[in-house]
């Protein structure tokens, strides 16, 4: 069966706020989330489609956020859509890193997309793995609504793929908790990457 003309609708929503000090870098740490803002949760839920495929990352903040948005709905974990690995900086604040590792931090911020934190992953590397996962899932789920309860880094990478942005340019995009990003993909005759369209970015839940 040809996929040409099939539209796959991606609904990316960032997980709930983290229980970490302000300015802390969570990265791959499995930290808990604050699910107390019922108004935000209900607002986000009402923007999402029925009969969608629900995806999460392996991290508990993605899984728990999806569970409150769609109670009882089965989700599937996609490991390649997890957050950036910040290595030795995970769990620490930007201010602490700047104070204690000034030279390393300055080198990192010279090219925050291309450079990796110590023992971590660069945003450019994240963008590559996320793009490959999106292409794979878009083919597998062609024509469906896909809700991905994800993280700021992969959401920026999804925008970079859809809009042809460099990783550095994508880092300028604000991605707030519970906010929605909508991307449509149309499969084209002959395969290839098809055509992407941005429907909305950082849409507030209420």
Protein backbone atom coordinates (compact mmCIF):
# COMPACT_ATOMS: atom_id res chain seq x y z
CA UNK A 1 0.00 0.00 0.00
CA UNK A 2 1.35 3.42 -0.92
CA UNK A 3 1.75 6.01 1.83
CA UNK A 4 1.59 8.98 -0.57
CA UNK A 5 -0.83 11.63 0.65
CA UNK A 6 -1.21 10.20 4.15
CA UNK A 7 -0.98 12.89 6.84
CA UNK A 8 0.53 11.94 10.19
CA UNK A 9 -0.29 14.44 12.93
CA UNK A 10 2.26 14.81 15.73
CA UNK A 11 1.10 16.32 19.02
CA UNK A 12 4.19 17.04 21.13
CA UNK A 13 3.52 18.12 24.69
CA UNK A 14 6.17 18.81 27.30
CA UNK A 15 5.91 16.94 30.59
CA UNK A 16 4.95 18.45 33.96
CA UNK A 17 7.35 20.70 35.91
CA UNK A 18 10.18 18.92 37.72
CA UNK A 19 10.80 18.74 41.44
CA UNK A 20 14.28 20.27 41.15
CA UNK A 21 15.80 23.59 42.22
CA UNK A 22 15.31 26.42 39.68
CA UNK A 23 17.97 26.34 36.98
CA UNK A 24 18.92 22.70 37.60
CA UNK A 25 19.74 20.53 34.59
CA UNK A 26 17.74 17.30 34.73
CA UNK A 27 18.93 15.62 31.54
CA UNK A 28 18.57 11.84 31.91
CA UNK A 29 18.03 11.93 35.69
CA UNK A 30 14.80 10.19 36.64
CA UNK A 31 13.40 12.98 38.80
CA UNK A 32 9.78 13.26 39.90
CA UNK A 33 7.27 15.80 38.60
CA UNK A 34 4.75 18.19 40.12
CA UNK A 35 1.26 17.09 39.03
CA UNK A 36 -0.64 19.45 41.33
CA UNK A 37 -1.81 21.98 38.72
CA UNK A 38 -5.10 20.39 37.74
CA UNK A 39 -6.16 23.39 35.64
CA UNK A 40 -3.06 23.08 33.45
CA UNK A 41 -3.47 19.31 33.14
CA UNK A 42 -7.14 19.58 32.16
CA UNK A 43 -6.36 22.36 29.69
CA UNK A 44 -3.61 20.32 28.07
CA UNK A 45 -5.80 17.19 27.95
CA UNK A 46 -8.65 18.98 26.18
CA UNK A 47 -6.35 20.05 23.34
CA UNK A 48 -5.35 16.47 22.50
CA UNK A 49 -7.09 14.17 20.00
CA UNK A 50 -9.12 11.05 20.69
CA UNK A 51 -7.98 7.72 19.25
CA UNK A 52 -4.32 8.71 19.15
CA UNK A 53 -1.19 6.61 19.54
CA UNK A 54 0.53 7.69 22.77
CA UNK A 55 4.33 7.66 23.04
CA UNK A 56 6.63 8.45 25.96
CA UNK A 57 10.33 8.45 26.70
CA UNK A 58 11.74 5.99 29.28
CA UNK A 59 11.89 8.72 31.94
CA UNK A 60 9.34 8.81 34.75
CA UNK A 61 8.46 12.47 34.12
CA UNK A 62 7.28 11.57 30.63
CA UNK A 63 5.45 8.40 31.73
CA UNK A 64 3.68 10.02 34.73
CA UNK A 65 2.66 13.08 32.71
CA UNK A 66 1.15 10.89 30.00
CA UNK A 67 -0.72 8.88 32.63
CA UNK A 68 -2.52 11.94 34.03
CA UNK A 69 -3.29 13.28 30.55
CA UNK A 70 -4.78 9.99 29.36
CA UNK A 71 -5.69 7.75 32.32
CA UNK A 72 -5.94 4.12 31.35
CA UNK A 73 -4.63 4.66 27.81
CA UNK A 74 -1.75 2.40 26.75
CA UNK A 75 1.52 4.15 25.95
CA UNK A 76 4.65 2.96 24.15
CA UNK A 77 8.15 3.96 25.19
CA UNK A 78 10.51 5.21 22.46
CA UNK A 79 14.01 5.33 23.92
CA UNK A 80 15.46 7.48 21.13
CA UNK A 81 13.04 10.30 22.02
CA UNK A 82 14.48 10.75 25.50
CA UNK A 83 16.12 13.94 26.78
CA UNK A 84 19.72 15.06 26.25
CA UNK A 85 22.37 13.52 28.49
CA UNK A 86 24.03 16.33 30.45
CA UNK A 87 26.66 14.02 31.91
CA UNK A 88 28.36 15.28 35.07
CA UNK A 89 26.20 18.41 35.07
CA UNK A 90 22.93 16.57 35.62
CA UNK A 91 21.14 17.65 38.78
CA UNK A 92 23.32 20.75 39.15
CA UNK A 93 22.30 24.34 38.48
CA UNK A 94 23.76 26.49 35.74
CA UNK A 95 25.01 28.92 38.40
CA UNK A 96 26.85 26.15 40.28
CA UNK A 97 28.50 24.86 37.11
CA UNK A 98 29.50 28.37 36.08
CA UNK A 99 31.04 29.04 39.49
CA UNK A 100 32.92 25.74 39.86
CA UNK A 101 33.79 24.81 36.26
CA UNK A 102 34.08 28.19 34.62
CA UNK A 103 36.57 27.24 31.90
CA UNK A 104 34.63 24.11 30.90
CA UNK A 105 31.33 25.99 30.94
CA UNK A 106 32.75 28.79 28.76
CA UNK A 107 33.96 26.24 26.19
CA UNK A 108 30.54 24.59 26.18
CA UNK A 109 28.63 27.85 25.71
CA UNK A 110 30.87 28.84 22.81
CA UNK A 111 28.86 26.26 20.81
CA UNK A 112 26.08 24.81 23.01
CA UNK A 113 24.63 22.77 20.14
CA UNK A 114 27.88 21.23 18.92
CA UNK A 115 29.63 20.77 22.27
CA UNK A 116 28.73 18.12 24.82
CA UNK A 117 28.71 18.59 28.60
CA UNK A 118 31.41 16.56 30.38
CA UNK A 119 30.62 12.83 29.86
CA UNK A 120 27.37 13.84 28.16
CA UNK A 121 25.76 14.26 24.75
CA UNK A 122 25.68 17.27 22.45
CA UNK A 123 22.39 18.76 21.30
CA UNK A 124 23.50 18.11 17.72
CA UNK A 125 23.84 14.39 18.54
CA UNK A 126 20.42 14.42 20.20
CA UNK A 127 18.97 16.06 17.09
CA UNK A 128 20.32 13.27 14.90
CA UNK A 129 18.89 10.43 16.97
CA UNK A 130 15.54 12.19 17.45
CA UNK A 131 15.20 12.90 13.71
CA UNK A 132 15.88 9.23 12.91
CA UNK A 133 13.27 8.13 15.46
CA UNK A 134 10.66 10.57 14.14
CA UNK A 135 11.18 9.38 10.57
CA UNK A 136 10.86 5.76 11.68
CA UNK A 137 7.71 6.35 13.76
CA UNK A 138 6.12 8.51 11.06
CA UNK A 139 6.38 5.66 8.58
CA UNK A 140 5.14 3.09 11.10
CA UNK A 141 2.20 5.28 12.20
CA UNK A 142 1.38 6.93 8.87
CA UNK A 143 -2.02 8.56 8.83
CA UNK A 144 -2.47 8.50 12.62
CA UNK A 145 -2.57 11.08 15.39
CA UNK A 146 0.56 10.64 17.52
CA UNK A 147 0.79 12.18 20.99
CA UNK A 148 4.35 12.32 22.29
CA UNK A 149 4.71 13.43 25.92
CA UNK A 150 8.30 14.50 25.79
CA UNK A 151 11.14 16.80 26.72
CA UNK A 152 12.35 20.22 25.67
CA UNK A 153 15.40 18.97 23.76
CA UNK A 154 13.60 16.43 21.55
CA UNK A 155 10.77 18.90 20.91
CA UNK A 156 13.30 21.44 19.63
CA UNK A 157 14.89 18.67 17.53
CA UNK A 158 11.48 17.84 16.03
CA UNK A 159 11.04 21.49 15.04
CA UNK A 160 14.53 21.50 13.53
CA UNK A 161 13.64 18.48 11.40
CA UNK A 162 10.32 19.93 10.26
CA UNK A 163 11.57 23.45 9.53
CA UNK A 164 15.08 22.68 8.31
CA UNK A 165 16.71 24.49 11.23
CA UNK A 166 20.24 23.95 12.39
CA UNK A 167 20.57 22.53 15.92
CA UNK A 168 21.92 25.88 17.08
CA UNK A 169 18.91 27.75 15.72
CA UNK A 170 16.50 25.28 17.33
CA UNK A 171 17.95 26.03 20.78
CA UNK A 172 16.36 29.49 20.57
CA UNK A 173 12.84 28.00 20.76
CA UNK A 174 10.99 28.27 24.09
CA UNK A 175 9.42 24.98 25.25
CA UNK A 176 7.25 25.34 28.36
CA UNK A 177 5.75 22.63 30.57
CA UNK A 178 2.34 21.32 29.44
CA UNK A 179 2.59 23.43 26.24
CA UNK A 180 1.72 21.90 22.88
CA UNK A 181 3.62 21.74 19.58
CA UNK A 182 1.74 20.56 16.47
CA UNK A 183 3.48 19.18 13.40
CA UNK A 184 1.90 17.50 10.39
CA UNK A 185 3.76 15.23 8.00
CA UNK A 186 2.49 14.42 4.50
CA UNK A 187 3.98 11.38 2.81
CA UNK A 188 4.99 12.01 -0.80
CA UNK A 189 5.04 9.78 -3.88
CA UNK A 190 8.39 8.09 -4.21
CA UNK A 191 9.21 8.17 -0.51
CA UNK A 192 11.85 10.52 0.85
CA UNK A 193 11.26 12.74 3.86
CA UNK A 194 7.86 13.95 2.67
CA UNK A 195 6.56 17.39 3.58
CA UNK A 196 6.30 18.86 7.08
CA UNK A 197 4.03 21.68 8.22
CA UNK A 198 4.16 23.54 11.54
CA UNK A 199 0.60 24.00 12.85
CA UNK A 200 1.43 25.60 16.21
CA UNK A 201 4.30 26.07 18.66
CA UNK A 202 4.39 26.40 22.46
CA UNK A 203 0.59 26.61 22.65
CA UNK A 204 -0.48 27.15 26.31
CA UNK A 205 -2.89 24.63 27.83
CA UNK A 206 -5.46 27.21 28.94
